[in-house]
Amino acid sequence: VLSAGGESSEIPARPSATLISQARSNGIASRLEGLEDEQAAMQG
């Protein structure tokens, strides 16, 4: 709906349905992303 930060004119990626389901059930949900590619992870 509304976002702030990130690169210019960049819209944050939508959360996964699993993360939304966990947040709806527990009120809060979090996860680590981007660790699949080691080279990209070490580059930030």
ModelCIF file with pLDDT and N, C-alpha, C, O atoms, coordinates in Angstrom:
data_MODEL
#
_entry.id   MODEL 
#
_entity.id                         1 
_entity.type                       polymer 
_entity.pdbx_number_of_molecules   1 
#
_entity_poly.entity_id                      1 
_entity_poly.type                           'polypeptide(L)' 
_entity_poly.nstd_linkage                   no 
_entity_poly.nstd_monomer                   no 
_entity_poly.pdbx_seq_one_letter_code       VLSAGGESSEIPARPSATLISQARSNGIASRLEGLEDEQAAMQG 
_entity_poly.pdbx_seq_one_letter_code_can   VLSAGGESSEIPARPSATLISQARSNGIASRLEGLEDEQAAMQG 
_entity_poly.pdbx_strand_id                 A 
#
loop_
_entity_poly_seq.entity_id 
_entity_poly_seq.num 
_entity_poly_seq.mon_id 
_entity_poly_seq.hetero 
1 1  VAL n 
1 2  LEU n 
1 3  SER n 
1 4  ALA n 
1 5  GLY n 
1 6  GLY n 
1 7  GLU n 
1 8  SER n 
1 9  SER n 
1 10 GLU n 
1 11 ILE n 
1 12 PRO n 
1 13 ALA n 
1 14 ARG n 
1 15 PRO n 
1 16 SER n 
1 17 ALA n 
1 18 THR n 
1 19 LEU n 
1 20 ILE n 
1 21 SER n 
1 22 GLN n 
1 23 ALA n 
1 24 ARG n 
1 25 SER n 
1 26 ASN n 
1 27 GLY n 
1 28 ILE n 
1 29 ALA n 
1 30 SER n 
1 31 ARG n 
1 32 LEU n 
1 33 GLU n 
1 34 GLY n 
1 35 LEU n 
1 36 GLU n 
1 37 ASP n 
1 38 GLU n 
1 39 GLN n 
1 40 ALA n 
1 41 ALA n 
1 42 MET n 
1 43 GLN n 
1 44 GLY n 
#
_struct_asym.id          A 
_struct_asym.entity_id   1 
#
loop_
_ma_qa_metric.id 
_ma_qa_metric.mode 
_ma_qa_metric.name 
_ma_qa_metric.software_group_id 
_ma_qa_metric.type 
1 global pLDDT . pLDDT 
2 local  pLDDT . pLDDT 
#
_ma_qa_metric_global.metric_id      1 
_ma_qa_metric_global.metric_value   73.30 
_ma_qa_metric_global.model_id       1 
_ma_qa_metric_global.ordinal_id     1 
#
loop_
_ma_qa_metric_local.label_asym_id 
_ma_qa_metric_local.label_comp_id 
_ma_qa_metric_local.label_seq_id 
_ma_qa_metric_local.metric_id 
_ma_qa_metric_local.metric_value 
_ma_qa_metric_local.model_id 
_ma_qa_metric_local.ordinal_id 
A VAL 1  2 79.00 1 1  
A LEU 2  2 81.00 1 2  
A SER 3  2 80.00 1 3  
A ALA 4  2 81.00 1 4  
A GLY 5  2 75.00 1 5  
A GLY 6  2 61.00 1 6  
A GLU 7  2 57.00 1 7  
A SER 8  2 45.00 1 8  
A SER 9  2 48.00 1 9  
A GLU 10 2 57.00 1 10 
A ILE 11 2 68.00 1 11 
A PRO 12 2 74.00 1 12 
A ALA 13 2 77.00 1 13 
A ARG 14 2 80.00 1 14 
A PRO 15 2 85.00 1 15 
A SER 16 2 81.00 1 16 
A ALA 17 2 83.00 1 17 
A THR 18 2 83.00 1 18 
A LEU 19 2 83.00 1 19 
A ILE 20 2 84.00 1 20 
A SER 21 2 85.00 1 21 
A GLN 22 2 82.00 1 22 
A ALA 23 2 80.00 1 23 
A ARG 24 2 84.00 1 24 
A SER 25 2 84.00 1 25 
A ASN 26 2 83.00 1 26 
A GLY 27 2 82.00 1 27 
A ILE 28 2 87.00 1 28 
A ALA 29 2 84.00 1 29 
A SER 30 2 84.00 1 30 
A ARG 31 2 81.00 1 31 
A LEU 32 2 77.00 1 32 
A GLU 33 2 75.00 1 33 
A GLY 34 2 70.00 1 34 
A LEU 35 2 69.00 1 35 
A GLU 36 2 64.00 1 36 
A ASP 37 2 64.00 1 37 
A GLU 38 2 64.00 1 38 
A GLN 39 2 65.00 1 39 
A ALA 40 2 56.00 1 40 
A ALA 41 2 61.00 1 41 
A MET 42 2 63.00 1 42 
A GLN 43 2 61.00 1 43 
A GLY 44 2 58.00 1 44 
#
loop_
_atom_site.group_PDB 
_atom_site.id 
_atom_site.type_symbol 
_atom_site.label_atom_id 
_atom_site.label_alt_id 
_atom_site.label_comp_id 
_atom_site.label_asym_id 
_atom_site.label_entity_id 
_atom_site.label_seq_id 
_atom_site.pdbx_PDB_ins_code 
_atom_site.Cartn_x 
_atom_site.Cartn_y 
_atom_site.Cartn_z 
_atom_site.occupancy 
_atom_site.B_iso_or_equiv 
_atom_site.pdbx_formal_charge 
_atom_site.auth_seq_id 
_atom_site.auth_comp_id 
_atom_site.auth_asym_id 
_atom_site.auth_atom_id 
_atom_site.pdbx_PDB_model_num 
ATOM 1   N N  . VAL A 1 1  ? 0.831  -1.201  0.000  1.00 79.00 ? 1  VAL A N  1 
ATOM 2   C CA . VAL A 1 1  ? 0.000  0.000   0.000  1.00 79.00 ? 1  VAL A CA 1 
ATOM 3   C C  . VAL A 1 1  ? 0.874  1.263   0.000  1.00 79.00 ? 1  VAL A C  1 
ATOM 4   O O  . VAL A 1 1  ? 0.636  2.181   -0.785 1.00 79.00 ? 1  VAL A O  1 
ATOM 5   N N  . LEU A 1 2  ? 1.855  1.308   0.855  1.00 81.00 ? 2  LEU A N  1 
ATOM 6   C CA . LEU A 1 2  ? 2.711  2.491   1.003  1.00 81.00 ? 2  LEU A CA 1 
ATOM 7   C C  . LEU A 1 2  ? 4.096  2.010   1.438  1.00 81.00 ? 2  LEU A C  1 
ATOM 8   O O  . LEU A 1 2  ? 4.207  1.094   2.253  1.00 81.00 ? 2  LEU A O  1 
ATOM 9   N N  . SER A 1 3  ? 5.156  2.625   0.896  1.00 80.00 ? 3  SER A N  1 
ATOM 10  C CA . SER A 1 3  ? 6.516  2.176   1.237  1.00 80.00 ? 3  SER A CA 1 
ATOM 11  C C  . SER A 1 3  ? 7.457  3.369   1.364  1.00 80.00 ? 3  SER A C  1 
ATOM 12  O O  . SER A 1 3  ? 7.198  4.455   0.845  1.00 80.00 ? 3  SER A O  1 
ATOM 13  N N  . ALA A 1 4  ? 8.540  3.132   2.059  1.00 81.00 ? 4  ALA A N  1 
ATOM 14  C CA . ALA A 1 4  ? 9.585  4.152   2.230  1.00 81.00 ? 4  ALA A CA 1 
ATOM 15  C C  . ALA A 1 4  ? 10.942 3.447   2.227  1.00 81.00 ? 4  ALA A C  1 
ATOM 16  O O  . ALA A 1 4  ? 11.094 2.379   2.819  1.00 81.00 ? 4  ALA A O  1 
ATOM 17  N N  . GLY A 1 5  ? 11.952 4.069   1.537  1.00 75.00 ? 5  GLY A N  1 
ATOM 18  C CA . GLY A 1 5  ? 13.298 3.484   1.494  1.00 75.00 ? 5  GLY A CA 1 
ATOM 19  C C  . GLY A 1 5  ? 13.519 2.679   0.249  1.00 75.00 ? 5  GLY A C  1 
ATOM 20  O O  . GLY A 1 5  ? 12.686 2.696   -0.658 1.00 75.00 ? 5  GLY A O  1 
ATOM 21  N N  . GLY A 1 6  ? 14.626 1.971   0.184  1.00 61.00 ? 6  GLY A N  1 
ATOM 22  C CA . GLY A 1 6  ? 15.000 1.194   -0.994 1.00 61.00 ? 6  GLY A CA 1 
ATOM 23  C C  . GLY A 1 6  ? 15.571 2.074   -2.072 1.00 61.00 ? 6  GLY A C  1 
ATOM 24  O O  . GLY A 1 6  ? 15.793 3.265   -1.854 1.00 61.00 ? 6  GLY A O  1 
ATOM 25  N N  . GLU A 1 7  ? 15.808 1.512   -3.217 1.00 57.00 ? 7  GLU A N  1 
ATOM 26  C CA . GLU A 1 7  ? 16.329 2.272   -4.329 1.00 57.00 ? 7  GLU A CA 1 
ATOM 27  C C  . GLU A 1 7  ? 15.244 3.206   -4.848 1.00 57.00 ? 7  GLU A C  1 
ATOM 28  O O  . GLU A 1 7  ? 14.067 3.005   -4.548 1.00 57.00 ? 7  GLU A O  1 
ATOM 29  N N  . SER A 1 8  ? 15.621 4.235   -5.630 1.00 45.00 ? 8  SER A N  1 
ATOM 30  C CA . SER A 1 8  ? 14.655 5.194   -6.170 1.00 45.00 ? 8  SER A CA 1 
ATOM 31  C C  . SER A 1 8  ? 13.670 4.476   -7.082 1.00 45.00 ? 8  SER A C  1 
ATOM 32  O O  . SER A 1 8  ? 14.047 3.626   -7.888 1.00 45.00 ? 8  SER A O  1 
ATOM 33  N N  . SER A 1 9  ? 12.396 4.839   -6.935 1.00 48.00 ? 9  SER A N  1 
ATOM 34  C CA . SER A 1 9  ? 11.276 4.273   -7.713 1.00 48.00 ? 9  SER A CA 1 
ATOM 35  C C  . SER A 1 9  ? 11.198 2.756   -7.586 1.00 48.00 ? 9  SER A C  1 
ATOM 36  O O  . SER A 1 9  ? 10.669 2.095   -8.479 1.00 48.00 ? 9  SER A O  1 
ATOM 37  N N  . GLU A 1 10 ? 11.707 2.198   -6.509 1.00 57.00 ? 10 GLU A N  1 
ATOM 38  C CA . GLU A 1 10 ? 11.661 0.746   -6.317 1.00 57.00 ? 10 GLU A CA 1 
ATOM 39  C C  . GLU A 1 10 ? 10.565 0.409   -5.309 1.00 57.00 ? 10 GLU A C  1 
ATOM 40  O O  . GLU A 1 10 ? 10.500 1.003   -4.233 1.00 57.00 ? 10 GLU A O  1 
ATOM 41  N N  . ILE A 1 11 ? 9.716  -0.534  -5.656 1.00 68.00 ? 11 ILE A N  1 
ATOM 42  C CA . ILE A 1 11 ? 8.636  -0.983  -4.759 1.00 68.00 ? 11 ILE A CA 1 
ATOM 43  C C  . ILE A 1 11 ? 9.110  -2.256  -4.082 1.00 68.00 ? 11 ILE A C  1 
ATOM 44  O O  . ILE A 1 11 ? 9.549  -3.190  -4.753 1.00 68.00 ? 11 ILE A O  1 
ATOM 45  N N  . PRO A 1 12 ? 9.026  -2.305  -2.736 1.00 74.00 ? 12 PRO A N  1 
ATOM 46  C CA . PRO A 1 12 ? 9.489  -3.505  -2.036 1.00 74.00 ? 12 PRO A CA 1 
ATOM 47  C C  . PRO A 1 12 ? 8.750  -4.749  -2.530 1.00 74.00 ? 12 PRO A C  1 
ATOM 48  O O  . PRO A 1 12 ? 7.578  -4.700  -2.901 1.00 74.00 ? 12 PRO A O  1 
ATOM 49  N N  . ALA A 1 13 ? 9.491  -5.878  -2.520 1.00 77.00 ? 13 ALA A N  1 
ATOM 50  C CA . ALA A 1 13 ? 8.890  -7.146  -2.949 1.00 77.00 ? 13 ALA A CA 1 
ATOM 51  C C  . ALA A 1 13 ? 7.772  -7.554  -1.977 1.00 77.00 ? 13 ALA A C  1 
ATOM 52  O O  . ALA A 1 13 ? 7.854  -7.308  -0.773 1.00 77.00 ? 13 ALA A O  1 
ATOM 53  N N  . ARG A 1 14 ? 6.735  -8.177  -2.528 1.00 80.00 ? 14 ARG A N  1 
ATOM 54  C CA . ARG A 1 14 ? 5.607  -8.630  -1.697 1.00 80.00 ? 14 ARG A CA 1 
ATOM 55  C C  . ARG A 1 14 ? 6.049  -9.797  -0.825 1.00 80.00 ? 14 ARG A C  1 
ATOM 56  O O  . ARG A 1 14 ? 6.826  -10.648 -1.260 1.00 80.00 ? 14 ARG A O  1 
ATOM 57  N N  . PRO A 1 15 ? 5.554  -9.832  0.400  1.00 85.00 ? 15 PRO A N  1 
ATOM 58  C CA . PRO A 1 15 ? 5.895  -10.967 1.271  1.00 85.00 ? 15 PRO A CA 1 
ATOM 59  C C  . PRO A 1 15 ? 5.221  -12.239 0.779  1.00 85.00 ? 15 PRO A C  1 
ATOM 60  O O  . PRO A 1 15 ? 4.206  -12.216 0.083  1.00 85.00 ? 15 PRO A O  1 
ATOM 61  N N  . SER A 1 16 ? 5.827  -13.337 1.170  1.00 81.00 ? 16 SER A N  1 
ATOM 62  C CA . SER A 1 16 ? 5.252  -14.622 0.760  1.00 81.00 ? 16 SER A CA 1 
ATOM 63  C C  . SER A 1 16 ? 3.965  -14.886 1.541  1.00 81.00 ? 16 SER A C  1 
ATOM 64  O O  . SER A 1 16 ? 3.737  -14.332 2.616  1.00 81.00 ? 16 SER A O  1 
ATOM 65  N N  . ALA A 1 17 ? 3.132  -15.753 0.960  1.00 83.00 ? 17 ALA A N  1 
ATOM 66  C CA . ALA A 1 17 ? 1.853  -16.094 1.612  1.00 83.00 ? 17 ALA A CA 1 
ATOM 67  C C  . ALA A 1 17 ? 2.091  -16.771 2.953  1.00 83.00 ? 17 ALA A C  1 
ATOM 68  O O  . ALA A 1 17 ? 1.302  -16.600 3.882  1.00 83.00 ? 17 ALA A O  1 
ATOM 69  N N  . THR A 1 18 ? 3.189  -17.553 3.064  1.00 83.00 ? 18 THR A N  1 
ATOM 70  C CA . THR A 1 18 ? 3.491  -18.230 4.330  1.00 83.00 ? 18 THR A CA 1 
ATOM 71  C C  . THR A 1 18 ? 3.800  -17.213 5.418  1.00 83.00 ? 18 THR A C  1 
ATOM 72  O O  . THR A 1 18 ? 3.347  -17.349 6.554  1.00 83.00 ? 18 THR A O  1 
ATOM 73  N N  . LEU A 1 19 ? 4.587  -16.175 5.058  1.00 83.00 ? 19 LEU A N  1 
ATOM 74  C CA . LEU A 1 19 ? 4.929  -15.154 6.042  1.00 83.00 ? 19 LEU A CA 1 
ATOM 75  C C  . LEU A 1 19 ? 3.685  -14.391 6.477  1.00 83.00 ? 19 LEU A C  1 
ATOM 76  O O  . LEU A 1 19 ? 3.547  -14.058 7.654  1.00 83.00 ? 19 LEU A O  1 
ATOM 77  N N  . ILE A 1 20 ? 2.762  -14.103 5.527  1.00 84.00 ? 20 ILE A N  1 
ATOM 78  C CA . ILE A 1 20 ? 1.524  -13.392 5.874  1.00 84.00 ? 20 ILE A CA 1 
ATOM 79  C C  . ILE A 1 20 ? 0.666  -14.260 6.785  1.00 84.00 ? 20 ILE A C  1 
ATOM 80  O O  . ILE A 1 20 ? 0.085  -13.765 7.750  1.00 84.00 ? 20 ILE A O  1 
ATOM 81  N N  . SER A 1 21 ? 0.587  -15.531 6.487  1.00 85.00 ? 21 SER A N  1 
ATOM 82  C CA . SER A 1 21 ? -0.220 -16.451 7.307  1.00 85.00 ? 21 SER A CA 1 
ATOM 83  C C  . SER A 1 21 ? 0.318  -16.519 8.728  1.00 85.00 ? 21 SER A C  1 
ATOM 84  O O  . SER A 1 21 ? -0.453 -16.533 9.688  1.00 85.00 ? 21 SER A O  1 
ATOM 85  N N  . GLN A 1 22 ? 1.691  -16.564 8.869  1.00 82.00 ? 22 GLN A N  1 
ATOM 86  C CA . GLN A 1 22 ? 2.285  -16.610 10.201 1.00 82.00 ? 22 GLN A CA 1 
ATOM 87  C C  . GLN A 1 22 ? 2.038  -15.301 10.950 1.00 82.00 ? 22 GLN A C  1 
ATOM 88  O O  . GLN A 1 22 ? 1.799  -15.316 12.157 1.00 82.00 ? 22 GLN A O  1 
ATOM 89  N N  . ALA A 1 23 ? 2.091  -14.186 10.255 1.00 80.00 ? 23 ALA A N  1 
ATOM 90  C CA . ALA A 1 23 ? 1.851  -12.904 10.910 1.00 80.00 ? 23 ALA A CA 1 
ATOM 91  C C  . ALA A 1 23 ? 0.401  -12.764 11.342 1.00 80.00 ? 23 ALA A C  1 
ATOM 92  O O  . ALA A 1 23 ? 0.119  -12.183 12.390 1.00 80.00 ? 23 ALA A O  1 
ATOM 93  N N  . ARG A 1 24 ? -0.544 -13.305 10.527 1.00 84.00 ? 24 ARG A N  1 
ATOM 94  C CA . ARG A 1 24 ? -1.959 -13.221 10.875 1.00 84.00 ? 24 ARG A CA 1 
ATOM 95  C C  . ARG A 1 24 ? -2.243 -14.089 12.096 1.00 84.00 ? 24 ARG A C  1 
ATOM 96  O O  . ARG A 1 24 ? -3.065 -13.734 12.941 1.00 84.00 ? 24 ARG A O  1 
ATOM 97  N N  . SER A 1 25 ? -1.557 -15.229 12.184 1.00 84.00 ? 25 SER A N  1 
ATOM 98  C CA . SER A 1 25 ? -1.809 -16.148 13.305 1.00 84.00 ? 25 SER A CA 1 
ATOM 99  C C  . SER A 1 25 ? -1.128 -15.665 14.593 1.00 84.00 ? 25 SER A C  1 
ATOM 100 O O  . SER A 1 25 ? -1.729 -15.693 15.667 1.00 84.00 ? 25 SER A O  1 
ATOM 101 N N  . ASN A 1 26 ? 0.146  -15.215 14.474 1.00 83.00 ? 26 ASN A N  1 
ATOM 102 C CA . ASN A 1 26 ? 0.936  -14.882 15.663 1.00 83.00 ? 26 ASN A CA 1 
ATOM 103 C C  . ASN A 1 26 ? 1.069  -13.377 15.910 1.00 83.00 ? 26 ASN A C  1 
ATOM 104 O O  . ASN A 1 26 ? 1.607  -12.966 16.938 1.00 83.00 ? 26 ASN A O  1 
ATOM 105 N N  . GLY A 1 27 ? 0.584  -12.553 14.976 1.00 82.00 ? 27 GLY A N  1 
ATOM 106 C CA . GLY A 1 27 ? 0.720  -11.105 15.122 1.00 82.00 ? 27 GLY A CA 1 
ATOM 107 C C  . GLY A 1 27 ? 2.072  -10.585 14.633 1.00 82.00 ? 27 GLY A C  1 
ATOM 108 O O  . GLY A 1 27 ? 2.218  -9.385  14.400 1.00 82.00 ? 27 GLY A O  1 
ATOM 109 N N  . ILE A 1 28 ? 3.047  -11.453 14.476 1.00 87.00 ? 28 ILE A N  1 
ATOM 110 C CA . ILE A 1 28 ? 4.379  -11.054 14.033 1.00 87.00 ? 28 ILE A CA 1 
ATOM 111 C C  . ILE A 1 28 ? 5.051  -12.263 13.405 1.00 87.00 ? 28 ILE A C  1 
ATOM 112 O O  . ILE A 1 28 ? 4.871  -13.388 13.870 1.00 87.00 ? 28 ILE A O  1 
ATOM 113 N N  . ALA A 1 29 ? 5.834  -12.031 12.340 1.00 84.00 ? 29 ALA A N  1 
ATOM 114 C CA . ALA A 1 29 ? 6.582  -13.112 11.688 1.00 84.00 ? 29 ALA A CA 1 
ATOM 115 C C  . ALA A 1 29 ? 7.821  -12.508 11.037 1.00 84.00 ? 29 ALA A C  1 
ATOM 116 O O  . ALA A 1 29 ? 7.793  -11.369 10.572 1.00 84.00 ? 29 ALA A O  1 
ATOM 117 N N  . SER A 1 30 ? 8.914  -13.279 11.005 1.00 84.00 ? 30 SER A N  1 
ATOM 118 C CA . SER A 1 30 ? 10.173 -12.805 10.382 1.00 84.00 ? 30 SER A CA 1 
ATOM 119 C C  . SER A 1 30 ? 10.936 -14.010 9.858  1.00 84.00 ? 30 SER A C  1 
ATOM 120 O O  . SER A 1 30 ? 10.756 -15.137 10.317 1.00 84.00 ? 30 SER A O  1 
ATOM 121 N N  . ARG A 1 31 ? 11.791 -13.736 8.883  1.00 81.00 ? 31 ARG A N  1 
ATOM 122 C CA . ARG A 1 31 ? 12.592 -14.794 8.289  1.00 81.00 ? 31 ARG A CA 1 
ATOM 123 C C  . ARG A 1 31 ? 13.856 -14.201 7.640  1.00 81.00 ? 31 ARG A C  1 
ATOM 124 O O  . ARG A 1 31 ? 13.902 -13.017 7.308  1.00 81.00 ? 31 ARG A O  1 
ATOM 125 N N  . LEU A 1 32 ? 14.904 -15.076 7.464  1.00 77.00 ? 32 LEU A N  1 
ATOM 126 C CA . LEU A 1 32 ? 16.146 -14.696 6.778  1.00 77.00 ? 32 LEU A CA 1 
ATOM 127 C C  . LEU A 1 32 ? 16.011 -15.005 5.300  1.00 77.00 ? 32 LEU A C  1 
ATOM 128 O O  . LEU A 1 32 ? 15.526 -16.077 4.938  1.00 77.00 ? 32 LEU A O  1 
ATOM 129 N N  . GLU A 1 33 ? 16.431 -14.089 4.438  1.00 75.00 ? 33 GLU A N  1 
ATOM 130 C CA . GLU A 1 33 ? 16.344 -14.272 2.994  1.00 75.00 ? 33 GLU A CA 1 
ATOM 131 C C  . GLU A 1 33 ? 17.703 -13.962 2.350  1.00 75.00 ? 33 GLU A C  1 
ATOM 132 O O  . GLU A 1 33 ? 18.519 -13.238 2.920  1.00 75.00 ? 33 GLU A O  1 
ATOM 133 N N  . GLY A 1 34 ? 17.929 -14.519 1.161  1.00 70.00 ? 34 GLY A N  1 
ATOM 134 C CA . GLY A 1 34 ? 19.140 -14.206 0.389  1.00 70.00 ? 34 GLY A CA 1 
ATOM 135 C C  . GLY A 1 34 ? 20.352 -15.028 0.756  1.00 70.00 ? 34 GLY A C  1 
ATOM 136 O O  . GLY A 1 34 ? 21.452 -14.703 0.312  1.00 70.00 ? 34 GLY A O  1 
ATOM 137 N N  . LEU A 1 35 ? 20.205 -16.092 1.556  1.00 69.00 ? 35 LEU A N  1 
ATOM 138 C CA . LEU A 1 35 ? 21.363 -16.904 1.936  1.00 69.00 ? 35 LEU A CA 1 
ATOM 139 C C  . LEU A 1 35 ? 21.612 -18.057 0.975  1.00 69.00 ? 35 LEU A C  1 
ATOM 140 O O  . LEU A 1 35 ? 22.582 -18.799 1.130  1.00 69.00 ? 35 LEU A O  1 
ATOM 141 N N  . GLU A 1 36 ? 20.741 -18.210 -0.015 1.00 64.00 ? 36 GLU A N  1 
ATOM 142 C CA . GLU A 1 36 ? 20.899 -19.328 -0.943 1.00 64.00 ? 36 GLU A CA 1 
ATOM 143 C C  . GLU A 1 36 ? 22.150 -19.140 -1.822 1.00 64.00 ? 36 GLU A C  1 
ATOM 144 O O  . GLU A 1 36 ? 22.888 -20.091 -2.082 1.00 64.00 ? 36 GLU A O  1 
ATOM 145 N N  . ASP A 1 37 ? 22.366 -17.916 -2.264 1.00 64.00 ? 37 ASP A N  1 
ATOM 146 C CA . ASP A 1 37 ? 23.530 -17.614 -3.112 1.00 64.00 ? 37 ASP A CA 1 
ATOM 147 C C  . ASP A 1 37 ? 24.633 -17.026 -2.222 1.00 64.00 ? 37 ASP A C  1 
ATOM 148 O O  . ASP A 1 37 ? 24.507 -15.900 -1.740 1.00 64.00 ? 37 ASP A O  1 
ATOM 149 N N  . GLU A 1 38 ? 25.734 -17.802 -2.000 1.00 64.00 ? 38 GLU A N  1 
ATOM 150 C CA . GLU A 1 38 ? 26.790 -17.352 -1.084 1.00 64.00 ? 38 GLU A CA 1 
ATOM 151 C C  . GLU A 1 38 ? 27.479 -16.083 -1.598 1.00 64.00 ? 38 GLU A C  1 
ATOM 152 O O  . GLU A 1 38 ? 27.779 -15.174 -0.825 1.00 64.00 ? 38 GLU A O  1 
ATOM 153 N N  . GLN A 1 39 ? 27.725 -16.033 -2.903 1.00 65.00 ? 39 GLN A N  1 
ATOM 154 C CA . GLN A 1 39 ? 28.404 -14.871 -3.446 1.00 65.00 ? 39 GLN A CA 1 
ATOM 155 C C  . GLN A 1 39 ? 27.569 -13.616 -3.266 1.00 65.00 ? 39 GLN A C  1 
ATOM 156 O O  . GLN A 1 39 ? 28.100 -12.577 -2.874 1.00 65.00 ? 39 GLN A O  1 
ATOM 157 N N  . ALA A 1 40 ? 26.260 -13.691 -3.548 1.00 56.00 ? 40 ALA A N  1 
ATOM 158 C CA . ALA A 1 40 ? 25.378 -12.536 -3.389 1.00 56.00 ? 40 ALA A CA 1 
ATOM 159 C C  . ALA A 1 40 ? 25.223 -12.170 -1.925 1.00 56.00 ? 40 ALA A C  1 
ATOM 160 O O  . ALA A 1 40 ? 25.139 -10.989 -1.588 1.00 56.00 ? 40 ALA A O  1 
ATOM 161 N N  . ALA A 1 41 ? 25.183 -13.183 -1.035 1.00 61.00 ? 41 ALA A N  1 
ATOM 162 C CA . ALA A 1 41 ? 25.023 -12.910 0.395  1.00 61.00 ? 41 ALA A CA 1 
ATOM 163 C C  . ALA A 1 41 ? 26.226 -12.143 0.926  1.00 61.00 ? 41 ALA A C  1 
ATOM 164 O O  . ALA A 1 41 ? 26.061 -11.206 1.708  1.00 61.00 ? 41 ALA A O  1 
ATOM 165 N N  . MET A 1 42 ? 27.458 -12.530 0.507  1.00 63.00 ? 42 MET A N  1 
ATOM 166 C CA . MET A 1 42 ? 28.654 -11.834 0.984  1.00 63.00 ? 42 MET A CA 1 
ATOM 167 C C  . MET A 1 42 ? 28.755 -10.430 0.404  1.00 63.00 ? 42 MET A C  1 
ATOM 168 O O  . MET A 1 42 ? 29.465 -9.591  0.959  1.00 63.00 ? 42 MET A O  1 
ATOM 169 N N  . GLN A 1 43 ? 28.061 -10.153 -0.701 1.00 61.00 ? 43 GLN A N  1 
ATOM 170 C CA . GLN A 1 43 ? 28.051 -8.821  -1.298 1.00 61.00 ? 43 GLN A CA 1 
ATOM 171 C C  . GLN A 1 43 ? 26.958 -7.939  -0.734 1.00 61.00 ? 43 GLN A C  1 
ATOM 172 O O  . GLN A 1 43 ? 26.768 -6.827  -1.227 1.00 61.00 ? 43 GLN A O  1 
ATOM 173 N N  . GLY A 1 44 ? 26.215 -8.392  0.299  1.00 58.00 ? 44 GLY A N  1 
ATOM 174 C CA . GLY A 1 44 ? 25.236 -7.557  0.979  1.00 58.00 ? 44 GLY A CA 1 
ATOM 175 C C  . GLY A 1 44 ? 23.800 -7.806  0.565  1.00 58.00 ? 44 GLY A C  1 
ATOM 176 O O  . GLY A 1 44 ? 22.889 -7.155  1.077  1.00 58.00 ? 44 GLY A O  1 
#
